[in-house]
Amino acid sequence: MKELLVYSEKILLKRLKVHCEKTLANQITKENAVELYELSKMLGAEDLREAALRLMGNYLSYFADELASVLTKQSNKKDE
């Protein structure tokens, strides 16, 4: 579905783009929210962007923990 969204943007198929956005917005999880947010920004998919932001807001502590984990790993690599 992500690929269809990209292609719909490239060939300007508005109805296909809207369909893909709605479908992806219904499939957002905390594991794919950041990826879909970035995709939405790249393609100007405003509804998908808002849905991703809404979900990330609902799982703010999860994303804070993930960020802390990444930063800790980066810090440990620098110390090696």
Foldseek 3Di string as FASTA:
>chain_A
DLVQLVVCLVVVVVVSNVVVLVVVLVVDDPVCLVVQLVSCVVRVVVSNVVSSVVRCVVVVVVVVVVVVVVVVVVVVVVVD
